[in-house]
Amino acid sequence: MSEDFMLDTDDLERRMTGAIASLRTEFASLRTGRGSASMLDPVQVDAYGQMTPINQVGTVNVPEPRMVTINVWDKALVGKVEKAIRESGLGINPQLNGTIIMLPIPELNEERRTQLSKVAGGYAENARVSIRNIRRDGMDQIKKAKADGMSEDDQKIWESEMEDLTKKFIKTIDDQLETKQAEIMQV
């Protein structure tokens, strides 16, 4: 029975890659003093009776590094989009120009940079926890196989492979966090 055991490392690796992708999305939503269309991803607008992402009610553009524009398709939603941005906590003051909403990206002060750096650290820690949970699932599979008759040598080999996979993904998270924090702190 133990000879048939195969840890589904592809599935575990796919799940860990998903955690990294989620982290990248969260990092993209952090404002770093430069404009980015993805910084508006978490903002939802009350459009037609339901909460809708901004990119589904207008075209989001970044015409210059410190400016983001939203060309709202339905003139009736311009006020709602503006309100959603003001209440989103992004710290951006929208300016109206007909159906175009301009979002000038202000310089970040030192206090705000430190705060954003801590938020990035929190996102990275959540990703590490996800990776560790996936590792625990893999280890549980190995322990179950050990109970079903797997040899101790095989168990050690699989556990070692699981640890190597975990270390690789945790290092990826740490590298991405270091890069993001450097980008945030850059003046």
Protein backbone atom coordinates (compact mmCIF):
# COMPACT_ATOMS: atom_id res chain seq x y z
CA MET A 1 0.00 0.00 0.00
CA SER A 2 2.79 2.44 0.91
CA GLU A 3 4.40 2.00 -2.52
CA ASP A 4 1.25 3.50 -4.11
CA PHE A 5 1.41 6.74 -2.11
CA MET A 6 2.09 9.82 -4.19
CA LEU A 7 1.84 13.21 -2.60
CA ASP A 8 0.01 15.46 -5.05
CA THR A 9 2.75 18.09 -5.13
CA ASP A 10 1.27 19.63 -8.28
CA ASP A 11 -1.96 20.43 -6.43
CA LEU A 12 -0.08 21.76 -3.39
CA GLU A 13 2.17 23.86 -5.63
CA ARG A 14 -0.86 25.18 -7.55
CA ARG A 15 -2.50 26.23 -4.27
CA MET A 16 0.71 27.91 -3.08
CA THR A 17 1.00 29.72 -6.43
CA GLY A 18 -2.59 30.93 -5.88
CA ALA A 19 -1.56 32.40 -2.52
CA ILE A 20 1.32 34.25 -4.24
CA ALA A 21 -1.06 35.55 -6.95
CA SER A 22 -3.43 36.80 -4.26
CA LEU A 23 -0.53 38.57 -2.55
CA ARG A 24 0.46 40.26 -5.83
CA THR A 25 -3.11 41.52 -6.24
CA GLU A 26 -3.11 42.92 -2.71
CA PHE A 27 0.29 44.57 -3.29
CA ALA A 28 -0.97 46.14 -6.53
CA SER A 29 -3.79 47.84 -4.65
CA LEU A 30 -1.29 49.66 -2.39
CA ARG A 31 -0.60 53.19 -3.51
CA THR A 32 3.08 54.00 -3.91
CA GLY A 33 3.00 57.61 -5.10
CA ARG A 34 2.57 56.55 -8.72
CA GLY A 35 -0.78 56.03 -10.42
CA SER A 36 -1.96 52.55 -11.32
CA ALA A 37 -5.32 51.31 -12.59
CA SER A 38 -5.15 48.36 -10.17
CA MET A 39 -5.21 50.69 -7.15
CA LEU A 40 -8.95 51.14 -7.82
CA ASP A 41 -9.66 47.38 -7.86
CA PRO A 42 -10.97 47.25 -4.27
CA VAL A 43 -13.35 50.20 -4.84
CA GLN A 44 -16.99 49.21 -5.42
CA VAL A 45 -19.71 51.54 -6.79
CA ASP A 46 -23.43 51.26 -6.04
CA ALA A 47 -24.54 51.00 -9.69
CA TYR A 48 -27.99 49.90 -10.76
CA GLY A 49 -28.82 48.52 -7.31
CA GLN A 50 -25.70 46.40 -6.77
CA MET A 51 -22.06 46.89 -5.85
CA THR A 52 -19.93 46.94 -9.00
CA PRO A 53 -16.15 47.36 -9.52
CA ILE A 54 -15.16 50.74 -10.98
CA ASN A 55 -13.66 49.15 -14.09
CA GLN A 56 -17.17 47.88 -14.97
CA VAL A 57 -18.76 51.34 -14.98
CA GLY A 58 -16.03 53.24 -16.81
CA THR A 59 -12.64 53.15 -18.49
CA VAL A 60 -9.69 53.53 -16.12
CA ASN A 61 -6.56 55.12 -17.64
CA VAL A 62 -3.19 56.28 -16.36
CA PRO A 63 -2.27 59.16 -18.72
CA GLU A 64 0.75 60.17 -16.61
CA PRO A 65 2.55 58.69 -13.58
CA ARG A 66 0.80 60.88 -11.01
CA MET A 67 -2.71 60.91 -12.56
CA VAL A 68 -5.45 58.30 -12.97
CA THR A 69 -8.59 59.07 -14.96
CA ILE A 70 -11.93 57.31 -15.08
CA ASN A 71 -14.20 57.92 -18.07
CA VAL A 72 -17.61 56.94 -16.65
CA TRP A 73 -19.88 55.49 -19.34
CA ASP A 74 -23.22 56.43 -17.71
CA LYS A 75 -23.46 60.12 -16.79
CA ALA A 76 -25.91 59.24 -13.97
CA LEU A 77 -23.18 57.24 -12.18
CA VAL A 78 -20.51 59.98 -12.10
CA GLY A 79 -21.56 61.20 -8.65
CA LYS A 80 -21.73 57.65 -7.26
CA VAL A 81 -18.26 56.81 -8.59
CA GLU A 82 -16.85 60.01 -7.09
CA LYS A 83 -18.50 59.22 -3.73
CA ALA A 84 -17.17 55.64 -3.76
CA ILE A 85 -13.61 56.91 -4.33
CA ARG A 86 -13.90 59.52 -1.56
CA GLU A 87 -15.18 56.89 0.91
CA SER A 88 -12.71 54.17 -0.14
CA GLY A 89 -9.92 55.33 2.18
CA LEU A 90 -7.41 55.62 -0.69
CA GLY A 91 -6.63 59.18 0.35
CA ILE A 92 -7.34 60.55 -3.13
CA ASN A 93 -9.50 63.58 -3.84
CA PRO A 94 -11.38 63.07 -7.15
CA GLN A 95 -11.88 66.03 -9.50
CA LEU A 96 -14.79 66.09 -11.96
CA ASN A 97 -14.53 67.15 -15.58
CA GLY A 98 -17.84 66.19 -17.21
CA THR A 99 -18.00 62.40 -17.29
CA ILE A 100 -14.26 62.13 -16.63
CA ILE A 101 -13.08 61.81 -13.05
CA MET A 102 -9.44 62.77 -12.54
CA LEU A 103 -7.52 61.38 -9.59
CA PRO A 104 -4.30 63.30 -8.93
CA ILE A 105 -1.99 61.06 -6.91
CA PRO A 106 -0.46 63.10 -4.07
CA GLU A 107 3.07 62.60 -2.81
CA LEU A 108 3.21 60.23 0.13
CA ASN A 109 4.55 61.63 3.39
CA GLU A 110 6.94 59.61 5.56
CA GLU A 111 4.21 58.59 8.03
CA ARG A 112 1.93 57.30 5.25
CA ARG A 113 4.84 55.41 3.64
CA THR A 114 5.59 53.67 6.95
CA GLN A 115 1.91 52.85 7.38
CA LEU A 116 1.68 51.39 3.85
CA SER A 117 4.85 49.40 4.48
CA LYS A 118 3.22 47.84 7.56
CA VAL A 119 0.08 47.05 5.55
CA ALA A 120 2.27 45.31 2.94
CA GLY A 121 3.89 43.33 5.76
CA GLY A 122 0.44 42.26 6.96
CA TYR A 123 -0.50 41.10 3.46
CA ALA A 124 2.74 39.10 3.26
CA GLU A 125 2.11 37.49 6.66
CA ASN A 126 -1.38 36.42 5.52
CA ALA A 127 0.19 34.84 2.44
CA ARG A 128 2.76 33.03 4.64
CA VAL A 129 -0.07 31.67 6.80
CA SER A 130 -1.82 30.40 3.65
CA ILE A 131 1.39 28.65 2.54
CA ARG A 132 1.81 27.08 5.99
CA ASN A 133 -1.80 25.86 5.94
CA ILE A 134 -1.18 24.19 2.58
CA ARG A 135 2.02 22.67 4.02
CA ARG A 136 -0.01 21.31 6.94
CA ASP A 137 -2.47 19.70 4.50
CA GLY A 138 0.45 18.00 2.74
CA MET A 139 1.96 16.84 6.04
CA ASP A 140 -1.44 15.44 7.09
CA GLN A 141 -1.55 13.39 3.87
CA ILE A 142 1.94 12.06 4.63
CA LYS A 143 0.98 11.16 8.22
CA LYS A 144 -2.13 9.35 6.98
CA ALA A 145 -0.01 7.37 4.51
CA LYS A 146 2.43 6.56 7.36
CA ALA A 147 -0.50 5.19 9.38
CA ASP A 148 -1.47 3.10 6.33
CA GLY A 149 1.96 1.47 6.25
CA MET A 150 4.41 3.86 4.59
CA SER A 151 8.03 3.30 5.63
CA GLU A 152 9.75 5.87 7.81
CA ASP A 153 12.33 6.53 5.10
CA ASP A 154 9.59 7.34 2.58
CA GLN A 155 7.89 9.54 5.16
CA LYS A 156 11.10 11.51 5.72
CA ILE A 157 11.63 11.91 1.95
CA TRP A 158 8.09 13.27 1.44
CA GLU A 159 8.32 15.55 4.48
CA SER A 160 11.63 16.90 3.20
CA GLU A 161 10.09 17.57 -0.22
CA MET A 162 7.14 19.34 1.45
CA GLU A 163 9.53 21.51 3.51
CA ASP A 164 11.57 22.43 0.41
CA LEU A 165 8.40 23.46 -1.44
CA THR A 166 7.25 25.54 1.53
CA LYS A 167 10.64 27.26 1.92
CA LYS A 168 10.69 28.13 -1.79
CA PHE A 169 7.29 29.85 -1.63
CA ILE A 170 8.00 31.62 1.68
CA LYS A 171 11.22 33.00 0.13
CA THR A 172 9.19 34.23 -2.86
CA ILE A 173 6.83 36.05 -0.48
CA ASP A 174 9.74 37.58 1.44
CA ASP A 175 11.40 38.75 -1.79
CA GLN A 176 8.18 40.32 -3.06
CA LEU A 177 7.61 42.04 0.29
CA GLU A 178 11.14 43.46 0.26
CA THR A 179 10.62 44.76 -3.29
CA LYS A 180 7.23 46.31 -2.45
CA GLN A 181 8.50 47.94 0.73
CA ALA A 182 11.46 49.43 -1.18
CA GLU A 183 9.01 50.75 -3.78
CA ILE A 184 6.80 52.28 -1.07
CA MET A 185 9.68 53.90 0.79
CA GLN A 186 11.25 55.30 -2.39
CA VAL A 187 10.89 59.09 -2.45
